[in-house]
C-alpha atoms as a PDB file:
ATOM      1  CA  HIS A   1       2.658   3.628 -15.222  1.00  0.00           C
ATOM      2  CA  PHE A   2       3.624   1.134 -13.004  1.00  0.00           C
ATOM      3  CA  LEU A   3       5.837  -2.011 -13.895  1.00  0.00           C
ATOM      4  CA  ALA A   4       4.412  -4.721 -12.539  1.00  0.00           C
ATOM      5  CA  GLN A   5       5.295  -8.345 -11.750  1.00  0.00           C
ATOM      6  CA  TYR A   6       2.607 -10.774 -11.792  1.00  0.00           C
ATOM      7  CA  PHE A   7       2.784 -14.670 -10.365  1.00  0.00           C
ATOM      8  CA  SER A   8       0.493 -17.265 -11.918  1.00  0.00           C
ATOM      9  CA  THR A   9       1.517 -19.983  -9.244  1.00  0.00           C
ATOM     10  CA  LYS A  10       2.107 -19.623  -5.637  1.00  0.00           C
ATOM     11  CA  VAL A  11       5.715 -18.815  -4.945  1.00  0.00           C
ATOM     12  CA  VAL A  12       7.998 -17.476  -2.054  1.00  0.00           C
ATOM     13  CA  LEU A  13      10.281 -14.375  -2.289  1.00  0.00           C
ATOM     14  CA  ILE A  14      13.367 -14.127  -0.435  1.00  0.00           C
ATOM     15  CA  THR A  15      16.369 -12.120  -0.248  1.00  0.00           C
ATOM     16  CA  PRO A  16      19.651 -13.429   0.637  1.00  0.00           C
ATOM     17  CA  GLY A  17      19.419 -15.383   3.739  1.00  0.00           C
ATOM     18  CA  ARG A  18      15.947 -14.578   4.751  1.00  0.00           C
ATOM     19  CA  ILE A  19      12.491 -15.656   3.504  1.00  0.00           C
ATOM     20  CA  ARG A  20       9.929 -12.977   2.524  1.00  0.00           C
ATOM     21  CA  PRO A  21       6.159 -13.556   3.068  1.00  0.00           C
ATOM     22  CA  GLU A  22       4.431 -15.718   0.553  1.00  0.00           C
ATOM     23  CA  MET A  23       2.757 -14.104  -2.463  1.00  0.00           C
ATOM     24  CA  THR A  24      -0.208 -15.905  -3.504  1.00  0.00           C
ATOM     25  CA  LYS A  25      -1.914 -16.205  -6.819  1.00  0.00           C
ATOM     26  CA  ASN A  26      -1.730 -13.076  -9.043  1.00  0.00           C
ATOM     27  CA  ARG A  27      -0.921 -10.783  -6.008  1.00  0.00           C
ATOM     28  CA  ARG A  28       0.959  -7.961  -7.859  1.00  0.00           C
ATOM     29  CA  ASP A  29       4.306  -6.581  -6.693  1.00  0.00           C
ATOM     30  CA  ARG A  30       4.069  -3.006  -7.636  1.00  0.00           C
ATOM     31  CA  LEU A  31       7.568  -1.155  -8.555  1.00  0.00           C
ATOM     32  CA  SER A  32       8.451   2.770  -8.809  1.00  0.00           C
ATOM     33  CA  HIS A  33       7.199   4.225 -12.041  1.00  0.00           C
ATOM     34  CA  HIS A  34      10.779   5.224 -12.487  1.00  0.00           C
ATOM     35  CA  ALA A  35      12.324   2.003 -12.402  1.00  0.00           C
ATOM     36  CA  ILE A  36      13.064  -0.495 -14.763  1.00  0.00           C
ATOM     37  CA  SER A  37      12.481  -4.072 -12.977  1.00  0.00           C
ATOM     38  CA  LEU A  38      15.575  -6.056 -11.914  1.00  0.00           C
ATOM     39  CA  VAL A  39      13.932  -8.919 -10.114  1.00  0.00           C
ATOM     40  CA  GLU A  40      16.505 -11.728 -10.324  1.00  0.00           C
ATOM     41  CA  PHE A  41      14.932 -15.300 -10.250  1.00  0.00           C
ATOM     42  CA  THR A  42      16.663 -18.330  -9.863  1.00  0.00           C
ATOM     43  CA  CYS A  43      15.624 -21.400 -11.983  1.00  0.00           C
ATOM     44  CA  PHE A  44      12.415 -22.343 -10.124  1.00  0.00           C
ATOM     45  CA  LEU A  45      10.333 -24.923 -12.199  1.00  0.00           C
ATOM     46  CA  GLY A  46      11.038 -28.421 -10.652  1.00  0.00           C
ATOM     47  CA  GLN A  47      12.834 -26.887  -7.571  1.00  0.00           C
ATOM     48  CA  LYS A  48      12.592 -27.876  -3.945  1.00  0.00           C
ATOM     49  CA  PRO A  49      10.238 -25.761  -1.876  1.00  0.00           C
ATOM     50  CA  ASP A  50      13.358 -24.414   0.079  1.00  0.00           C
ATOM     51  CA  GLU A  51      14.894 -22.902  -3.017  1.00  0.00           C
ATOM     52  CA  PRO A  52      12.787 -20.286  -3.728  1.00  0.00           C
ATOM     53  CA  LEU A  53      13.112 -17.050  -5.926  1.00  0.00           C
ATOM     54  CA  VAL A  54      15.730 -14.538  -5.216  1.00  0.00           C
ATOM     55  CA  MET A  55      14.955 -10.543  -5.353  1.00  0.00           C
ATOM     56  CA  PHE A  56      17.637  -8.009  -5.860  1.00  0.00           C
ATOM     57  CA  GLY A  57      16.472  -4.551  -7.177  1.00  0.00           C
ATOM     58  CA  ASP A  58      15.816  -2.323  -9.803  1.00  0.00           C
ATOM     59  CA  ILE A  59      17.598   0.458 -11.628  1.00  0.00           C
ATOM     60  CA  ILE A  60      15.979   4.052 -12.302  1.00  0.00           C
ATOM     61  CA  VAL A  61      16.781   4.648 -16.065  1.00  0.00           C
ATOM     62  CA  ASP A  62      17.057   7.928 -17.743  1.00  0.00           C
ATOM     63  CA  PRO A  63      15.537   6.893 -21.481  1.00  0.00           C
ATOM     64  CA  GLN A  64      17.791   9.141 -23.077  1.00  0.00           C
ATOM     65  CA  VAL A  65      21.001   7.346 -21.948  1.00  0.00           C
ATOM     66  CA  ARG A  66      19.140   3.759 -21.400  1.00  0.00           C
ATOM     67  CA  ASN A  67      21.726   2.371 -24.609  1.00  0.00           C
ATOM     68  CA  ALA A  68      24.616   4.034 -23.042  1.00  0.00           C
ATOM     69  CA  ASP A  69      26.748   3.976 -19.719  1.00  0.00           C
ATOM     70  CA  PRO A  70      25.890   7.352 -18.235  1.00  0.00           C
ATOM     71  CA  CYS A  71      29.374   7.565 -16.675  1.00  0.00           C
ATOM     72  CA  THR A  72      30.637   7.937 -20.316  1.00  0.00           C
ATOM     73  CA  ALA A  73      27.692   9.876 -21.264  1.00  0.00           C
ATOM     74  CA  ASN A  74      27.865  12.472 -19.041  1.00  0.00           C
ATOM     75  CA  ASP A  75      29.365  13.716 -15.641  1.00  0.00           C
ATOM     76  CA  CYS A  76      27.693  11.165 -13.478  1.00  0.00           C
ATOM     77  CA  LYS A  77      30.655  10.665 -11.047  1.00  0.00           C
ATOM     78  CA  TRP A  78      30.539  11.827  -7.529  1.00  0.00           C
ATOM     79  CA  PRO A  79      33.140  14.707  -7.066  1.00  0.00           C
ATOM     80  CA  LYS A  80      36.270  14.260  -5.535  1.00  0.00           C
ATOM     81  CA  SER A  81      37.733  16.374  -2.759  1.00  0.00           C
ATOM     82  CA  SER A  82      40.693  18.215  -2.568  1.00  0.00           C
ATOM     83  CA  ASP A  83      42.179  15.537  -0.042  1.00  0.00           C
ATOM     84  CA  GLY A  84      41.738  12.552  -2.496  1.00  0.00           C
ATOM     85  CA  LYS A  85      38.620  11.381  -1.007  1.00  0.00           C
ATOM     86  CA  VAL A  86      35.246  10.979  -2.652  1.00  0.00           C
ATOM     87  CA  TYR A  87      32.482  12.133  -0.236  1.00  0.00           C
ATOM     88  CA  VAL A  88      28.856  10.964  -0.827  1.00  0.00           C
ATOM     89  CA  PRO A  89      26.385  12.630   1.341  1.00  0.00           C
ATOM     90  CA  TYR A  90      23.359  10.356   2.612  1.00  0.00           C
ATOM     91  CA  VAL A  91      20.044  10.369   4.683  1.00  0.00           C
ATOM     92  CA  ILE A  92      18.627   7.319   5.990  1.00  0.00           C
ATOM     93  CA  SER A  93      14.851   7.662   6.214  1.00  0.00           C
ATOM     94  CA  ASN A  94      13.567   6.582   9.671  1.00  0.00           C
ATOM     95  CA  GLN A  95      11.288   4.085   8.262  1.00  0.00           C
ATOM     96  CA  TYR A  96      14.036   1.540   9.321  1.00  0.00           C
ATOM     97  CA  SER A  97      14.474  -0.173  12.786  1.00  0.00           C
ATOM     98  CA  THR A  98      17.868   0.271  14.625  1.00  0.00           C
ATOM     99  CA  GLN A  99      19.031  -3.126  13.456  1.00  0.00           C
ATOM    100  CA  LYS A 100      18.184  -2.431   9.654  1.00  0.00           C
ATOM    101  CA  LYS A 101      19.635   1.138   9.799  1.00  0.00           C
ATOM    102  CA  SER A 102      22.737  -0.234  11.166  1.00  0.00           C
ATOM    103  CA  THR A 103      22.769  -2.860   8.292  1.00  0.00           C
ATOM    104  CA  ILE A 104      22.568  -0.139   5.832  1.00  0.00           C
ATOM    105  CA  GLU A 105      25.257   1.942   7.458  1.00  0.00           C
ATOM    106  CA  CYS A 106      27.401  -1.323   7.718  1.00  0.00           C
ATOM    107  CA  GLY A 107      27.363  -1.729   3.927  1.00  0.00           C
ATOM    108  CA  LEU A 108      28.200   1.924   3.255  1.00  0.00           C
ATOM    109  CA  ARG A 109      31.332   1.592   5.515  1.00  0.00           C
ATOM    110  CA  SER A 110      32.330  -1.368   3.774  1.00  0.00           C
ATOM    111  CA  PHE A 111      33.232   0.876   0.730  1.00  0.00           C
ATOM    112  CA  HIS A 112      35.615   3.057   2.898  1.00  0.00           C
ATOM    113  CA  THR A 113      38.234  -0.065   3.620  1.00  0.00           C
ATOM    114  CA  LYS A 114      39.367  -0.562  -0.017  1.00  0.00           C
ATOM    115  CA  THR A 115      38.157   2.594  -1.938  1.00  0.00           C
ATOM    116  CA  CYS A 116      38.544   6.411  -1.480  1.00  0.00           C
ATOM    117  CA  ILE A 117      34.660   6.536  -1.282  1.00  0.00           C
ATOM    118  CA  ARG A 118      33.415   7.955   2.169  1.00  0.00           C
ATOM    119  CA  PHE A 119      29.851   8.202   2.796  1.00  0.00           C
ATOM    120  CA  VAL A 120      28.935  11.144   5.266  1.00  0.00           C
ATOM    121  CA  PRO A 121      25.522  11.906   6.787  1.00  0.00           C
ATOM    122  CA  ARG A 122      24.125  14.952   5.166  1.00  0.00           C
ATOM    123  CA  THR A 123      24.354  18.408   6.578  1.00  0.00           C
ATOM    124  CA  ASN A 124      23.584  20.940   3.730  1.00  0.00           C
ATOM    125  CA  GLN A 125      24.756  19.394   0.831  1.00  0.00           C
ATOM    126  CA  GLN A 126      22.517  19.714  -2.510  1.00  0.00           C
ATOM    127  CA  ASP A 127      23.365  16.355  -4.110  1.00  0.00           C
ATOM    128  CA  PHE A 128      23.011  13.443  -1.870  1.00  0.00           C
ATOM    129  CA  LEU A 129      21.424   9.668  -1.593  1.00  0.00           C
ATOM    130  CA  ASN A 130      18.172   9.615   0.080  1.00  0.00           C
ATOM    131  CA  ILE A 131      17.849   6.024   1.266  1.00  0.00           C
ATOM    132  CA  THR A 132      14.268   5.179   1.887  1.00  0.00           C
ATOM    133  CA  SER A 133      11.684   2.177   2.042  1.00  0.00           C
ATOM    134  CA  LEU A 134       9.619   2.403  -1.280  1.00  0.00           C
ATOM    135  CA  SER A 135       8.401  -0.745  -3.252  1.00  0.00           C
ATOM    136  CA  GLY A 136      11.594  -2.256  -4.206  1.00  0.00           C
ATOM    137  CA  CYS A 137      15.389  -2.219  -4.285  1.00  0.00           C
ATOM    138  CA  TYR A 138      16.496   0.247  -6.860  1.00  0.00           C
ATOM    139  CA  SER A 139      18.750   2.933  -7.575  1.00  0.00           C
ATOM    140  CA  SER A 140      19.885   5.625 -10.345  1.00  0.00           C
ATOM    141  CA  VAL A 141      23.016   4.650 -12.252  1.00  0.00           C
ATOM    142  CA  GLY A 142      25.590   7.523 -10.827  1.00  0.00           C
ATOM    143  CA  ARG A 143      25.168  10.802  -9.526  1.00  0.00           C
ATOM    144  CA  ARG A 144      21.751  12.414 -10.844  1.00  0.00           C
ATOM    145  CA  GLY A 145      21.565  15.493  -8.543  1.00  0.00           C
ATOM    146  CA  ASN A 146      19.724  16.782  -5.725  1.00  0.00           C
ATOM    147  CA  GLY A 147      18.200  14.199  -3.367  1.00  0.00           C
ATOM    148  CA  GLN A 148      18.185  11.110  -5.542  1.00  0.00           C
ATOM    149  CA  VAL A 149      16.463   8.001  -4.517  1.00  0.00           C
ATOM    150  CA  LEU A 150      17.781   4.729  -3.568  1.00  0.00           C
ATOM    151  CA  SER A 151      15.242   2.726  -2.225  1.00  0.00           C
ATOM    152  CA  LEU A 152      15.902  -0.208   0.116  1.00  0.00           C
ATOM    153  CA  ASN A 153      12.517  -1.679   1.152  1.00  0.00           C
ATOM    154  CA  ARG A 154      12.575  -2.360   4.631  1.00  0.00           C
ATOM    155  CA  ASP A 155      10.527  -5.808   4.402  1.00  0.00           C
ATOM    156  CA  GLY A 156      12.929  -7.335   1.673  1.00  0.00           C
ATOM    157  CA  CYS A 157      16.000  -5.391   0.700  1.00  0.00           C
ATOM    158  CA  VAL A 158      18.135  -4.323   3.745  1.00  0.00           C
ATOM    159  CA  TYR A 159      20.939  -6.854   3.422  1.00  0.00           C
ATOM    160  CA  PHE A 160      24.614  -6.380   3.437  1.00  0.00           C
ATOM    161  CA  SER A 161      24.740  -7.641  -0.136  1.00  0.00           C
ATOM    162  CA  VAL A 162      21.837  -5.742  -1.644  1.00  0.00           C
ATOM    163  CA  VAL A 163      23.218  -2.750  -0.109  1.00  0.00           C
ATOM    164  CA  GLN A 164      26.607  -2.982  -1.887  1.00  0.00           C
ATOM    165  CA  HIS A 165      24.665  -3.829  -5.334  1.00  0.00           C
ATOM    166  CA  GLU A 166      22.564  -0.698  -5.082  1.00  0.00           C
ATOM    167  CA  ILE A 167      25.311   1.611  -3.867  1.00  0.00           C
ATOM    168  CA  LEU A 168      27.417   0.403  -6.793  1.00  0.00           C
ATOM    169  CA  HIS A 169      24.759   1.469  -9.213  1.00  0.00           C
ATOM    170  CA  ALA A 170      24.738   4.813  -7.421  1.00  0.00           C
ATOM    171  CA  LEU A 171      28.359   5.158  -7.752  1.00  0.00           C
ATOM    172  CA  GLY A 172      28.172   4.636 -11.700  1.00  0.00           C
ATOM    173  CA  PHE A 173      27.982   1.068 -12.374  1.00  0.00           C
ATOM    174  CA  HIS A 174      25.776  -1.245 -14.495  1.00  0.00           C
ATOM    175  CA  HIS A 175      25.154  -4.821 -14.312  1.00  0.00           C
ATOM    176  CA  GLU A 176      28.067  -7.176 -15.449  1.00  0.00           C
ATOM    177  CA  HIS A 177      26.012  -9.070 -17.847  1.00  0.00           C
ATOM    178  CA  THR A 178      25.322  -5.644 -19.811  1.00  0.00           C
ATOM    179  CA  ARG A 179      28.786  -4.989 -20.559  1.00  0.00           C
ATOM    180  CA  ARG A 180      29.653  -4.443 -24.183  1.00  0.00           C
ATOM    181  CA  ASP A 181      32.153  -7.287 -24.489  1.00  0.00           C
ATOM    182  CA  ARG A 182      29.493  -9.767 -22.496  1.00  0.00           C
ATOM    183  CA  ASP A 183      29.238 -11.659 -25.748  1.00  0.00           C
ATOM    184  CA  GLY A 184      32.270 -13.558 -25.382  1.00  0.00           C
ATOM    185  CA  HIS A 185      31.443 -14.494 -21.855  1.00  0.00           C
ATOM    186  CA  VAL A 186      27.775 -15.044 -21.601  1.00  0.00           C
ATOM    187  CA  LYS A 187      25.207 -16.428 -24.133  1.00  0.00           C
ATOM    188  CA  ILE A 188      21.660 -14.552 -23.784  1.00  0.00           C
ATOM    189  CA  LEU A 189      18.935 -16.797 -24.404  1.00  0.00           C
ATOM    190  CA  GLU A 190      16.311 -14.651 -25.596  1.00  0.00           C
ATOM    191  CA  LYS A 191      13.422 -17.360 -26.063  1.00  0.00           C
ATOM    192  CA  ASN A 192      13.431 -17.810 -22.316  1.00  0.00           C
ATOM    193  CA  ILE A 193      13.134 -14.172 -21.391  1.00  0.00           C
ATOM    194  CA  GLU A 194       9.717 -13.080 -20.208  1.00  0.00           C
ATOM    195  CA  PRO A 195       8.127 -11.205 -22.754  1.00  0.00           C
ATOM    196  CA  GLY A 196       8.493  -7.067 -21.930  1.00  0.00           C
ATOM    197  CA  LYS A 197      11.601  -8.059 -19.878  1.00  0.00           C
ATOM    198  CA  GLU A 198      14.092  -7.969 -22.701  1.00  0.00           C
ATOM    199  CA  HIS A 199      15.437  -4.490 -22.072  1.00  0.00           C
ATOM    200  CA  ASN A 200      17.064  -5.990 -18.970  1.00  0.00           C
ATOM    201  CA  PHE A 201      19.569  -7.784 -21.084  1.00  0.00           C
ATOM    202  CA  GLU A 202      20.574  -4.911 -23.364  1.00  0.00           C
ATOM    203  CA  LYS A 203      24.217  -4.178 -23.947  1.00  0.00           C
ATOM    204  CA  HIS A 204      25.236  -0.845 -22.686  1.00  0.00           C
ATOM    205  CA  ASN A 205      28.428   1.071 -23.946  1.00  0.00           C
ATOM    206  CA  THR A 206      30.668   0.605 -20.822  1.00  0.00           C
ATOM    207  CA  ILE A 207      34.152   1.491 -20.741  1.00  0.00           C
ATOM    208  CA  ASN A 208      34.982  -1.542 -18.225  1.00  0.00           C
ATOM    209  CA  LEU A 209      38.157   0.188 -16.947  1.00  0.00           C
ATOM    210  CA  GLN A 210      40.561  -2.508 -18.418  1.00  0.00           C
ATOM    211  CA  THR A 211      39.101  -5.252 -15.941  1.00  0.00           C
ATOM    212  CA  PRO A 212      37.984  -8.639 -17.180  1.00  0.00           C
ATOM    213  CA  TYR A 213      34.351  -9.827 -17.253  1.00  0.00           C
ATOM    214  CA  ASP A 214      33.567 -11.143 -13.798  1.00  0.00           C
ATOM    215  CA  TYR A 215      31.124 -13.963 -13.011  1.00  0.00           C
ATOM    216  CA  ASN A 216      31.713 -13.270  -9.334  1.00  0.00           C
ATOM    217  CA  SER A 217      30.639  -9.665  -9.397  1.00  0.00           C
ATOM    218  CA  ILE A 218      27.874  -8.631  -7.041  1.00  0.00           C
ATOM    219  CA  MET A 219      26.368  -7.039 -10.207  1.00  0.00           C
ATOM    220  CA  HIS A 220      25.978 -10.097 -12.105  1.00  0.00           C
ATOM    221  CA  TYR A 221      22.480 -11.402 -12.899  1.00  0.00           C
ATOM    222  CA  LYS A 222      21.556 -14.974 -11.946  1.00  0.00           C
ATOM    223  CA  ARG A 223      21.139 -17.655 -14.419  1.00  0.00           C
ATOM    224  CA  CYS A 224      17.550 -17.644 -14.671  1.00  0.00           C
ATOM    225  CA  ALA A 225      16.944 -13.943 -14.163  1.00  0.00           C
ATOM    226  CA  PHE A 226      13.533 -13.009 -15.773  1.00  0.00           C
ATOM    227  CA  SER A 227      12.872 -16.409 -16.951  1.00  0.00           C
ATOM    228  CA  VAL A 228       9.405 -17.194 -18.501  1.00  0.00           C
ATOM    229  CA  ASN A 229       9.783 -21.021 -18.311  1.00  0.00           C
ATOM    230  CA  GLY A 230      12.525 -21.647 -15.805  1.00  0.00           C
ATOM    231  CA  GLN A 231      15.159 -22.180 -18.198  1.00  0.00           C
ATOM    232  CA  PRO A 232      18.263 -20.152 -18.114  1.00  0.00           C
ATOM    233  CA  THR A 233      18.314 -16.684 -19.660  1.00  0.00           C
ATOM    234  CA  ILE A 234      22.181 -16.277 -19.294  1.00  0.00           C
ATOM    235  CA  LEU A 235      24.461 -19.127 -20.118  1.00  0.00           C
ATOM    236  CA  PRO A 236      28.230 -18.835 -19.260  1.00  0.00           C
ATOM    237  CA  ILE A 237      30.582 -19.703 -22.073  1.00  0.00           C
ATOM    238  CA  PRO A 238      32.478 -21.471 -22.789  1.00  0.00           C
ATOM    239  CA  ASP A 239      32.096 -23.268 -19.726  1.00  0.00           C
ATOM    240  CA  ASN A 240      28.174 -23.445 -18.947  1.00  0.00           C
ATOM    241  CA  ASN A 241      28.496 -24.955 -15.359  1.00  0.00           C
ATOM    242  CA  VAL A 242      30.236 -21.593 -13.982  1.00  0.00           C
ATOM    243  CA  ALA A 243      28.178 -20.307 -11.167  1.00  0.00           C
ATOM    244  CA  ILE A 244      26.804 -16.706 -11.909  1.00  0.00           C
ATOM    245  CA  GLY A 245      24.747 -14.490  -9.609  1.00  0.00           C
ATOM    246  CA  PHE A 246      25.424 -15.753  -6.189  1.00  0.00           C
ATOM    247  CA  ALA A 247      28.107 -13.201  -4.591  1.00  0.00           C
ATOM    248  CA  THR A 248      27.372 -12.071  -1.243  1.00  0.00           C
ATOM    249  CA  GLN A 249      29.716  -9.295  -1.409  1.00  0.00           C
ATOM    250  CA  MET A 250      31.956  -6.966  -3.711  1.00  0.00           C
ATOM    251  CA  SER A 251      34.331  -9.025  -5.652  1.00  0.00           C
ATOM    252  CA  PRO A 252      37.800  -7.984  -6.256  1.00  0.00           C
ATOM    253  CA  ASN A 253      37.048  -6.645  -9.527  1.00  0.00           C
ATOM    254  CA  ASP A 254      34.185  -4.929  -8.249  1.00  0.00           C
ATOM    255  CA  ILE A 255      36.658  -2.760  -5.772  1.00  0.00           C
ATOM    256  CA  LEU A 256      39.156  -2.321  -8.597  1.00  0.00           C
ATOM    257  CA  ARG A 257      36.691  -0.724 -10.901  1.00  0.00           C
ATOM    258  CA  ILE A 258      35.570   1.641  -8.292  1.00  0.00           C
ATOM    259  CA  ASN A 259      39.098   2.523  -7.584  1.00  0.00           C
ATOM    260  CA  ARG A 260      39.916   3.184 -11.238  1.00  0.00           C
ATOM    261  CA  LEU A 261      36.866   5.248 -11.719  1.00  0.00           C
ATOM    262  CA  TYR A 262      37.265   7.328  -9.168  1.00  0.00           C
ATOM    263  CA  LYS A 263      41.244   7.387  -9.459  1.00  0.00           C
ATOM    264  CA  CYS A 264      41.717   6.211  -5.784  1.00  0.00           C
ATOM    265  CA  HIS A 265      45.110   5.800  -4.183  1.00  0.00           C
ATOM    266  CA  ARG A 266      45.785   3.191  -1.448  1.00  0.00           C
ATOM    267  CA  CYS A 267      46.806   5.891   1.207  1.00  0.00           C
ATOM    268  CA  HIS A 268      43.091   6.873   1.351  1.00  0.00           C
ATOM    269  CA  PHE A 269      41.896   3.230   2.135  1.00  0.00           C
ATOM    270  CA  LYS A 270      40.964   2.739   5.785  1.00  0.00           C
ATOM    271  CA  ILE A 271      42.027  -0.432   7.947  1.00  0.00           C
ATOM    272  CA  VAL A 272      39.930  -3.440   6.929  1.00  0.00           C
ATOM    273  CA  ILE A 273      37.077  -4.173   9.302  1.00  0.00           C
ATOM    274  CA  ASN A 274      35.367  -7.615   9.779  1.00  0.00           C
ATOM    275  CA  HIS A 275      31.959  -7.525   7.591  1.00  0.00           C
ATOM    276  CA  LYS A 276      30.829 -10.682   9.107  1.00  0.00           C
ATOM    277  CA  SER A 277      28.446  -9.136  11.460  1.00  0.00           C
ATOM    278  CA  CYS A 278      27.047  -6.984   8.387  1.00  0.00           C
ATOM    279  CA  GLN A 279      26.167 -10.049   6.404  1.00  0.00           C
ATOM    280  CA  ASN A 280      23.158 -11.902   6.042  1.00  0.00           C
END
């Protein structure tokens, strides 16, 4: 039951800031059988050779809550401690090099500076994030129990922006373009969506936490995500020229949503660190 992405022409896959190995004709990129593909494509027909495709990740979806925000459908938030902080235990696989492990840890620490979320190495906690290198970048939405997998493939997913993106999924957040109020901000061009990928554009019953639609969210799809013909699948409205899907780190709204969902207080934020060394 693998979801597979075939490439009928020769393309280059990259993650932000680094080119991945070429994938030749009809080579299959296999994804986890638990995952819904979230491969985010830029418009590539007619592009220059140095403007290749961009790969972000996947979401592991429980079919019973696919049309609803799990954080409103059930208790998916990570528990808050009596000290006001939210401790999220994690384990990082030994599959990663020292440098890539450092990048992952840097992405985790970035949540400590402006939220009450604290990622801590697991000791004996039952629920934790099992950060490992499988075939793709993907996560469940919210806390799912036990050692839930958060995959960051070591050959294509270990980048600061991707770590933040997948961690936001694990904290309970969907993609921006699936907000229930998205129709006033983007138009989904279904005729340009690759057959079989339509589910990636379904709206969710999100609560939005009284925050505006955010084109700059790190959770926003690119303009031509899952395009079958190189034409846009997502069109910003009313201004079609607004850039989407190019965030390199969490936006102020991304951070605000975390703090509102988990009822964080400023006294639990840490001194801001310089993230430049973490980024691509």
